[in-house]
Amino acid sequence: MTALAVDRRTPERSGDRREFSVKASTLIYAGALVAIGADDLAVPMSTATTLQGVGRAEGRVDNSTGADGDLTVSVGSGIYRYANSAAADEITAADIGENCYGVDDQTVALTNGTNTRSVAGKIYDVDAHGVWVDFR
C-alpha cells in the first residue's frame, strides 16, 4: 500500500473481549479459565500441553451437542483471580511476573507439572483468595 494522502478512520479494538469458536462436545462455564487448543478452538483449561490460556469466559456456553465452531464464547482478556495450587506448586508473591500453568478451568500452578501443563497466563498478584492472572 502507499502512504496516506487524506485522513483515514482507522478501526480499533479495546482488547477487553475476544470471541472464539468453541470445540464440539464442550461446555464452558461462566468465569472459567478458557484456553485455545492446537485446532484453534476454545475449551476449558485442563492439564494438557497443547493449550494456551486466553482469558475468562464471560458467559456459559454449552456446545455439548454441537459441532466444532457451532457456538462462540466471549472471553475477557484482563486480569482475573483463580484458585492457587498447593504444596510445591503453590504460587507466592515471589513469583509475580512469571508464567503460571493451567491445572483445570479454575486453578493455576507454579510449574508445568513435569511438562504436563500449558501456560495459562502471567502471575499479576497473589492474595489470600488466589492468584491474579494477567491475560493481556
N, C-alpha and C. Protein backbone atom coordinates (compact mmCIF):
# COMPACT_ATOMS: atom_id res chain seq x y z
N MET A 1 0.84 -1.18 0.00
CA MET A 1 0.00 0.00 0.00
C MET A 1 0.89 1.24 0.00
N THR A 2 0.31 2.33 -0.43
CA THR A 2 1.03 3.60 -0.43
C THR A 2 0.69 4.40 0.82
N ALA A 3 1.48 5.39 1.11
CA ALA A 3 1.25 6.25 2.27
C ALA A 3 -0.05 7.03 2.11
N LEU A 4 -0.65 7.43 3.23
CA LEU A 4 -1.90 8.20 3.20
C LEU A 4 -1.70 9.54 2.52
N ALA A 5 -2.74 9.95 1.80
CA ALA A 5 -2.77 11.27 1.20
C ALA A 5 -3.98 12.06 1.71
N VAL A 6 -4.85 11.39 2.49
CA VAL A 6 -6.04 12.00 3.09
C VAL A 6 -6.23 11.39 4.47
N ASP A 7 -7.09 12.02 5.29
CA ASP A 7 -7.40 11.49 6.61
C ASP A 7 -8.03 10.10 6.48
N ARG A 8 -7.82 9.30 7.49
CA ARG A 8 -8.33 7.93 7.49
C ARG A 8 -8.93 7.60 8.85
N ARG A 9 -10.07 6.96 8.87
CA ARG A 9 -10.62 6.45 10.12
C ARG A 9 -10.07 5.04 10.29
N THR A 10 -9.21 4.87 11.26
CA THR A 10 -8.57 3.58 11.50
C THR A 10 -9.38 2.79 12.51
N PRO A 11 -9.86 1.60 12.14
CA PRO A 11 -10.63 0.79 13.09
C PRO A 11 -9.81 0.44 14.32
N GLU A 12 -10.49 0.28 15.45
CA GLU A 12 -9.79 -0.08 16.67
C GLU A 12 -10.57 -1.12 17.46
N ARG A 13 -9.86 -1.79 18.33
CA ARG A 13 -10.45 -2.71 19.30
C ARG A 13 -9.92 -2.34 20.66
N SER A 14 -10.74 -2.51 21.69
CA SER A 14 -10.27 -2.21 23.04
C SER A 14 -9.35 -3.30 23.55
N GLY A 15 -9.52 -4.50 23.06
CA GLY A 15 -8.73 -5.62 23.54
C GLY A 15 -9.28 -6.25 24.81
N ASP A 16 -10.42 -5.73 25.30
CA ASP A 16 -11.02 -6.24 26.53
C ASP A 16 -11.73 -7.58 26.35
N ARG A 17 -12.28 -7.81 25.16
CA ARG A 17 -13.05 -9.02 24.89
C ARG A 17 -12.67 -9.57 23.52
N ARG A 18 -12.70 -10.90 23.43
CA ARG A 18 -12.49 -11.57 22.16
C ARG A 18 -13.52 -12.70 22.05
N GLU A 19 -13.80 -13.11 20.84
CA GLU A 19 -14.71 -14.22 20.58
C GLU A 19 -13.92 -15.37 19.99
N PHE A 20 -14.17 -16.57 20.49
CA PHE A 20 -13.51 -17.76 19.98
C PHE A 20 -14.56 -18.82 19.67
N SER A 21 -14.35 -19.57 18.61
CA SER A 21 -15.21 -20.71 18.29
C SER A 21 -14.95 -21.80 19.33
N VAL A 22 -16.04 -22.47 19.72
CA VAL A 22 -15.95 -23.49 20.77
C VAL A 22 -15.86 -24.88 20.15
N LYS A 23 -15.04 -25.71 20.74
CA LYS A 23 -14.85 -27.10 20.30
C LYS A 23 -16.15 -27.88 20.48
N ALA A 24 -16.37 -28.87 19.62
CA ALA A 24 -17.53 -29.75 19.72
C ALA A 24 -17.56 -30.45 21.07
N SER A 25 -18.75 -30.78 21.52
CA SER A 25 -18.96 -31.55 22.76
C SER A 25 -18.31 -30.88 23.96
N THR A 26 -18.40 -29.55 24.03
CA THR A 26 -17.72 -28.79 25.08
C THR A 26 -18.69 -27.88 25.81
N LEU A 27 -18.58 -27.87 27.12
CA LEU A 27 -19.32 -26.95 27.99
C LEU A 27 -18.31 -26.07 28.69
N ILE A 28 -18.46 -24.75 28.53
CA ILE A 28 -17.60 -23.79 29.20
C ILE A 28 -18.47 -22.99 30.16
N TYR A 29 -18.12 -23.01 31.44
CA TYR A 29 -18.89 -22.29 32.45
C TYR A 29 -18.47 -20.82 32.50
N ALA A 30 -19.41 -19.96 32.84
CA ALA A 30 -19.09 -18.55 33.04
C ALA A 30 -18.02 -18.44 34.11
N GLY A 31 -17.03 -17.64 33.87
CA GLY A 31 -15.95 -17.44 34.82
C GLY A 31 -14.80 -18.41 34.66
N ALA A 32 -14.97 -19.41 33.81
CA ALA A 32 -13.92 -20.42 33.62
C ALA A 32 -12.70 -19.83 32.94
N LEU A 33 -11.56 -20.42 33.24
CA LEU A 33 -10.32 -20.10 32.53
C LEU A 33 -10.42 -20.80 31.17
N VAL A 34 -10.39 -20.01 30.10
CA VAL A 34 -10.56 -20.54 28.75
C VAL A 34 -9.21 -20.66 28.07
N ALA A 35 -9.05 -21.74 27.31
CA ALA A 35 -7.83 -21.98 26.55
C ALA A 35 -8.18 -22.26 25.09
N ILE A 36 -7.19 -22.07 24.25
CA ILE A 36 -7.30 -22.41 22.83
C ILE A 36 -6.41 -23.61 22.58
N GLY A 37 -6.96 -24.61 21.90
CA GLY A 37 -6.19 -25.80 21.57
C GLY A 37 -5.44 -25.65 20.26
N ALA A 38 -4.72 -26.68 19.90
CA ALA A 38 -3.94 -26.68 18.66
C ALA A 38 -4.84 -26.52 17.44
N ASP A 39 -6.12 -26.84 17.58
CA ASP A 39 -7.08 -26.71 16.48
C ASP A 39 -7.73 -25.32 16.44
N ASP A 40 -7.24 -24.39 17.27
CA ASP A 40 -7.74 -23.02 17.35
C ASP A 40 -9.17 -22.92 17.88
N LEU A 41 -9.61 -23.91 18.64
CA LEU A 41 -10.95 -23.90 19.22
C LEU A 41 -10.87 -23.75 20.73
N ALA A 42 -11.87 -23.07 21.30
CA ALA A 42 -11.91 -22.79 22.73
C ALA A 42 -12.40 -24.00 23.52
N VAL A 43 -11.73 -24.21 24.65
CA VAL A 43 -12.08 -25.27 25.60
C VAL A 43 -11.81 -24.76 27.01
N PRO A 44 -12.39 -25.39 28.04
CA PRO A 44 -11.99 -25.04 29.40
C PRO A 44 -10.53 -25.46 29.60
N MET A 45 -9.76 -24.68 30.34
CA MET A 45 -8.38 -25.06 30.63
C MET A 45 -8.38 -26.40 31.35
N SER A 46 -7.38 -27.21 31.04
CA SER A 46 -7.20 -28.51 31.70
C SER A 46 -5.71 -28.83 31.71
N THR A 47 -5.36 -29.90 32.38
CA THR A 47 -3.98 -30.34 32.37
C THR A 47 -3.71 -30.97 31.01
N ALA A 48 -3.00 -30.24 30.17
CA ALA A 48 -2.65 -30.68 28.81
C ALA A 48 -1.50 -29.80 28.34
N THR A 49 -0.77 -30.27 27.37
CA THR A 49 0.38 -29.50 26.87
C THR A 49 0.10 -28.77 25.56
N THR A 50 -1.10 -28.90 25.03
CA THR A 50 -1.40 -28.32 23.72
C THR A 50 -2.32 -27.10 23.80
N LEU A 51 -2.43 -26.50 24.97
CA LEU A 51 -3.35 -25.39 25.18
C LEU A 51 -2.61 -24.08 25.43
N GLN A 52 -3.32 -22.97 25.19
CA GLN A 52 -2.81 -21.64 25.53
C GLN A 52 -3.94 -20.89 26.21
N GLY A 53 -3.73 -20.47 27.46
CA GLY A 53 -4.75 -19.70 28.17
C GLY A 53 -4.99 -18.37 27.48
N VAL A 54 -6.28 -17.99 27.35
CA VAL A 54 -6.62 -16.72 26.69
C VAL A 54 -7.46 -15.79 27.55
N GLY A 55 -8.05 -16.28 28.66
CA GLY A 55 -8.83 -15.38 29.50
C GLY A 55 -9.99 -16.06 30.19
N ARG A 56 -10.95 -15.22 30.61
CA ARG A 56 -12.12 -15.66 31.39
C ARG A 56 -13.37 -15.71 30.52
N ALA A 57 -14.12 -16.80 30.61
CA ALA A 57 -15.39 -16.91 29.90
C ALA A 57 -16.37 -15.90 30.48
N GLU A 58 -16.92 -15.06 29.62
CA GLU A 58 -17.85 -14.02 30.06
C GLU A 58 -19.27 -14.54 30.25
N GLY A 59 -19.53 -15.74 29.81
CA GLY A 59 -20.83 -16.36 30.00
C GLY A 59 -20.72 -17.85 29.76
N ARG A 60 -21.74 -18.58 30.18
CA ARG A 60 -21.76 -20.03 29.98
C ARG A 60 -22.08 -20.32 28.52
N VAL A 61 -21.33 -21.25 27.93
CA VAL A 61 -21.57 -21.68 26.55
C VAL A 61 -21.63 -23.19 26.54
N ASP A 62 -22.77 -23.73 26.12
CA ASP A 62 -22.96 -25.17 26.10
C ASP A 62 -23.01 -25.66 24.65
N ASN A 63 -21.87 -26.12 24.17
CA ASN A 63 -21.77 -26.70 22.83
C ASN A 63 -21.64 -28.22 22.94
N SER A 64 -22.21 -28.78 24.02
CA SER A 64 -22.05 -30.22 24.28
C SER A 64 -22.71 -31.09 23.23
N THR A 65 -23.70 -30.57 22.52
CA THR A 65 -24.32 -31.34 21.44
C THR A 65 -24.01 -30.76 20.07
N GLY A 66 -23.11 -29.79 20.03
CA GLY A 66 -22.79 -29.13 18.76
C GLY A 66 -21.49 -29.62 18.15
N ALA A 67 -21.27 -29.16 16.92
CA ALA A 67 -20.03 -29.45 16.19
C ALA A 67 -19.02 -28.34 16.44
N ASP A 68 -17.78 -28.57 16.04
CA ASP A 68 -16.74 -27.55 16.16
C ASP A 68 -17.22 -26.24 15.56
N GLY A 69 -17.16 -25.17 16.35
CA GLY A 69 -17.48 -23.84 15.87
C GLY A 69 -18.95 -23.49 15.77
N ASP A 70 -19.84 -24.39 16.19
CA ASP A 70 -21.28 -24.06 16.16
C ASP A 70 -21.59 -22.87 17.05
N LEU A 71 -20.87 -22.74 18.17
CA LEU A 71 -21.07 -21.63 19.10
C LEU A 71 -19.74 -20.92 19.33
N THR A 72 -19.85 -19.69 19.81
CA THR A 72 -18.66 -18.94 20.18
C THR A 72 -18.76 -18.56 21.65
N VAL A 73 -17.60 -18.30 22.25
CA VAL A 73 -17.54 -17.87 23.64
C VAL A 73 -16.88 -16.49 23.68
N SER A 74 -17.47 -15.58 24.45
CA SER A 74 -16.87 -14.28 24.68
C SER A 74 -15.89 -14.42 25.83
N VAL A 75 -14.65 -13.99 25.59
CA VAL A 75 -13.58 -14.17 26.57
C VAL A 75 -12.99 -12.82 26.95
N GLY A 76 -12.97 -12.54 28.25
CA GLY A 76 -12.34 -11.33 28.76
C GLY A 76 -10.83 -11.53 28.81
N SER A 77 -10.10 -10.50 28.41
CA SER A 77 -8.64 -10.63 28.36
C SER A 77 -7.97 -9.65 29.32
N GLY A 78 -8.49 -9.59 30.54
CA GLY A 78 -7.94 -8.71 31.55
C GLY A 78 -7.14 -9.47 32.59
N ILE A 79 -7.33 -9.08 33.85
CA ILE A 79 -6.65 -9.71 34.98
C ILE A 79 -7.74 -10.29 35.89
N TYR A 80 -7.68 -11.61 36.11
CA TYR A 80 -8.72 -12.30 36.86
C TYR A 80 -8.10 -13.21 37.91
N ARG A 81 -8.85 -13.41 39.01
CA ARG A 81 -8.34 -14.25 40.09
C ARG A 81 -8.84 -15.69 39.96
N TYR A 82 -7.88 -16.61 40.07
CA TYR A 82 -8.18 -18.05 40.04
C TYR A 82 -7.58 -18.72 41.27
N ALA A 83 -8.00 -19.94 41.51
CA ALA A 83 -7.53 -20.69 42.67
C ALA A 83 -6.05 -21.02 42.53
N ASN A 84 -5.38 -21.05 43.67
CA ASN A 84 -3.95 -21.36 43.73
C ASN A 84 -3.77 -22.85 44.00
N SER A 85 -2.75 -23.43 43.40
CA SER A 85 -2.40 -24.82 43.71
C SER A 85 -1.79 -24.89 45.10
N ALA A 86 -1.45 -26.08 45.53
CA ALA A 86 -0.90 -26.27 46.87
C ALA A 86 0.48 -26.90 46.79
N ALA A 87 1.09 -27.02 47.94
CA ALA A 87 2.41 -27.68 48.11
C ALA A 87 3.44 -27.05 47.19
N ALA A 88 4.20 -27.85 46.48
CA ALA A 88 5.31 -27.36 45.65
C ALA A 88 4.82 -26.49 44.48
N ASP A 89 3.55 -26.61 44.12
CA ASP A 89 3.01 -25.82 43.00
C ASP A 89 2.27 -24.57 43.45
N GLU A 90 2.30 -24.27 44.74
CA GLU A 90 1.65 -23.07 45.24
C GLU A 90 2.40 -21.83 44.77
N ILE A 91 1.66 -20.83 44.31
CA ILE A 91 2.23 -19.58 43.82
C ILE A 91 2.29 -18.59 44.97
N THR A 92 3.42 -17.88 45.08
CA THR A 92 3.59 -16.86 46.13
C THR A 92 3.91 -15.52 45.47
N ALA A 93 3.97 -14.49 46.29
CA ALA A 93 4.28 -13.15 45.79
C ALA A 93 5.65 -13.10 45.11
N ALA A 94 6.56 -13.96 45.50
CA ALA A 94 7.89 -14.02 44.88
C ALA A 94 7.81 -14.43 43.41
N ASP A 95 6.67 -14.98 42.98
CA ASP A 95 6.51 -15.47 41.61
C ASP A 95 5.84 -14.47 40.68
N ILE A 96 5.49 -13.30 41.19
CA ILE A 96 4.82 -12.29 40.36
C ILE A 96 5.68 -11.99 39.13
N GLY A 97 5.02 -11.96 37.98
CA GLY A 97 5.69 -11.70 36.71
C GLY A 97 6.06 -12.96 35.94
N GLU A 98 5.98 -14.10 36.60
CA GLU A 98 6.30 -15.37 35.95
C GLU A 98 5.05 -15.97 35.30
N ASN A 99 5.24 -16.95 34.43
CA ASN A 99 4.11 -17.69 33.87
C ASN A 99 3.49 -18.55 34.96
N CYS A 100 2.18 -18.78 34.84
CA CYS A 100 1.52 -19.79 35.64
C CYS A 100 0.91 -20.80 34.67
N TYR A 101 0.59 -21.97 35.17
CA TYR A 101 0.18 -23.08 34.33
C TYR A 101 -1.20 -23.58 34.73
N GLY A 102 -2.00 -23.96 33.73
CA GLY A 102 -3.36 -24.40 33.98
C GLY A 102 -3.45 -25.81 34.52
N VAL A 103 -4.17 -25.96 35.62
CA VAL A 103 -4.47 -27.26 36.20
C VAL A 103 -5.85 -27.71 35.74
N ASP A 104 -6.82 -26.79 35.85
CA ASP A 104 -8.18 -27.01 35.37
C ASP A 104 -8.78 -25.64 35.06
N ASP A 105 -10.09 -25.56 34.89
CA ASP A 105 -10.69 -24.30 34.47
C ASP A 105 -10.86 -23.28 35.59
N GLN A 106 -10.32 -23.59 36.79
CA GLN A 106 -10.37 -22.60 37.86
C GLN A 106 -9.12 -22.58 38.73
N THR A 107 -8.08 -23.34 38.35
CA THR A 107 -6.89 -23.48 39.18
C THR A 107 -5.62 -23.30 38.35
N VAL A 108 -4.66 -22.55 38.92
CA VAL A 108 -3.36 -22.39 38.27
C VAL A 108 -2.25 -22.86 39.21
N ALA A 109 -1.10 -23.21 38.61
CA ALA A 109 0.03 -23.75 39.36
C ALA A 109 1.30 -23.02 38.96
N LEU A 110 2.31 -23.15 39.82
CA LEU A 110 3.60 -22.52 39.58
C LEU A 110 4.40 -23.21 38.48
N THR A 111 4.28 -24.54 38.37
CA THR A 111 5.12 -25.27 37.42
C THR A 111 4.29 -25.92 36.32
N ASN A 112 4.99 -26.39 35.31
CA ASN A 112 4.32 -27.07 34.21
C ASN A 112 4.03 -28.54 34.52
N GLY A 113 4.23 -28.92 35.77
CA GLY A 113 3.89 -30.28 36.20
C GLY A 113 4.68 -31.34 35.46
N THR A 114 5.98 -31.14 35.34
CA THR A 114 6.87 -32.04 34.59
C THR A 114 6.36 -32.19 33.15
N ASN A 115 6.18 -31.02 32.52
CA ASN A 115 5.77 -30.95 31.11
C ASN A 115 4.42 -31.59 30.82
N THR A 116 3.45 -31.37 31.74
CA THR A 116 2.09 -31.88 31.52
C THR A 116 1.06 -30.76 31.45
N ARG A 117 1.48 -29.50 31.71
CA ARG A 117 0.54 -28.37 31.75
C ARG A 117 0.96 -27.29 30.77
N SER A 118 -0.04 -26.55 30.31
CA SER A 118 0.18 -25.43 29.41
C SER A 118 0.18 -24.11 30.16
N VAL A 119 0.79 -23.10 29.58
CA VAL A 119 0.79 -21.76 30.16
C VAL A 119 -0.63 -21.21 30.17
N ALA A 120 -1.05 -20.73 31.33
CA ALA A 120 -2.37 -20.10 31.46
C ALA A 120 -2.25 -18.60 31.23
N GLY A 121 -1.25 -17.97 31.84
CA GLY A 121 -1.05 -16.53 31.74
C GLY A 121 0.11 -16.12 32.62
N LYS A 122 0.20 -14.82 32.90
CA LYS A 122 1.26 -14.28 33.76
C LYS A 122 0.70 -14.01 35.16
N ILE A 123 1.51 -14.29 36.15
CA ILE A 123 1.12 -14.03 37.54
C ILE A 123 1.21 -12.53 37.77
N TYR A 124 0.07 -11.91 38.07
CA TYR A 124 -0.01 -10.47 38.29
C TYR A 124 0.08 -10.13 39.78
N ASP A 125 -0.58 -10.96 40.60
CA ASP A 125 -0.58 -10.74 42.04
C ASP A 125 -1.06 -12.02 42.71
N VAL A 126 -0.86 -12.08 44.02
CA VAL A 126 -1.29 -13.23 44.82
C VAL A 126 -1.89 -12.67 46.10
N ASP A 127 -3.04 -13.20 46.50
CA ASP A 127 -3.62 -12.82 47.79
C ASP A 127 -4.15 -14.05 48.49
N ALA A 128 -4.79 -13.86 49.61
CA ALA A 128 -5.28 -14.98 50.41
C ALA A 128 -6.36 -15.80 49.69
N HIS A 129 -6.95 -15.23 48.64
CA HIS A 129 -8.04 -15.90 47.93
C HIS A 129 -7.60 -16.58 46.64
N GLY A 130 -6.38 -16.29 46.18
CA GLY A 130 -5.94 -16.93 44.95
C GLY A 130 -4.87 -16.15 44.22
N VAL A 131 -4.77 -16.45 42.93
CA VAL A 131 -3.75 -15.87 42.06
C VAL A 131 -4.42 -15.01 41.00
N TRP A 132 -3.95 -13.77 40.88
CA TRP A 132 -4.44 -12.87 39.84
C TRP A 132 -3.62 -13.13 38.58
N VAL A 133 -4.32 -13.56 37.53
CA VAL A 133 -3.66 -13.95 36.28
C VAL A 133 -3.93 -12.88 35.22
N ASP A 134 -2.85 -12.46 34.57
CA ASP A 134 -2.92 -11.42 33.53
C ASP A 134 -2.96 -12.09 32.16
N PHE A 135 -4.03 -11.84 31.41
CA PHE A 135 -4.21 -12.40 30.07
C PHE A 135 -4.02 -11.35 28.97
N ARG A 136 -3.51 -10.17 29.34
CA ARG A 136 -3.37 -9.10 28.34
C ARG A 136 -2.12 -9.30 27.52
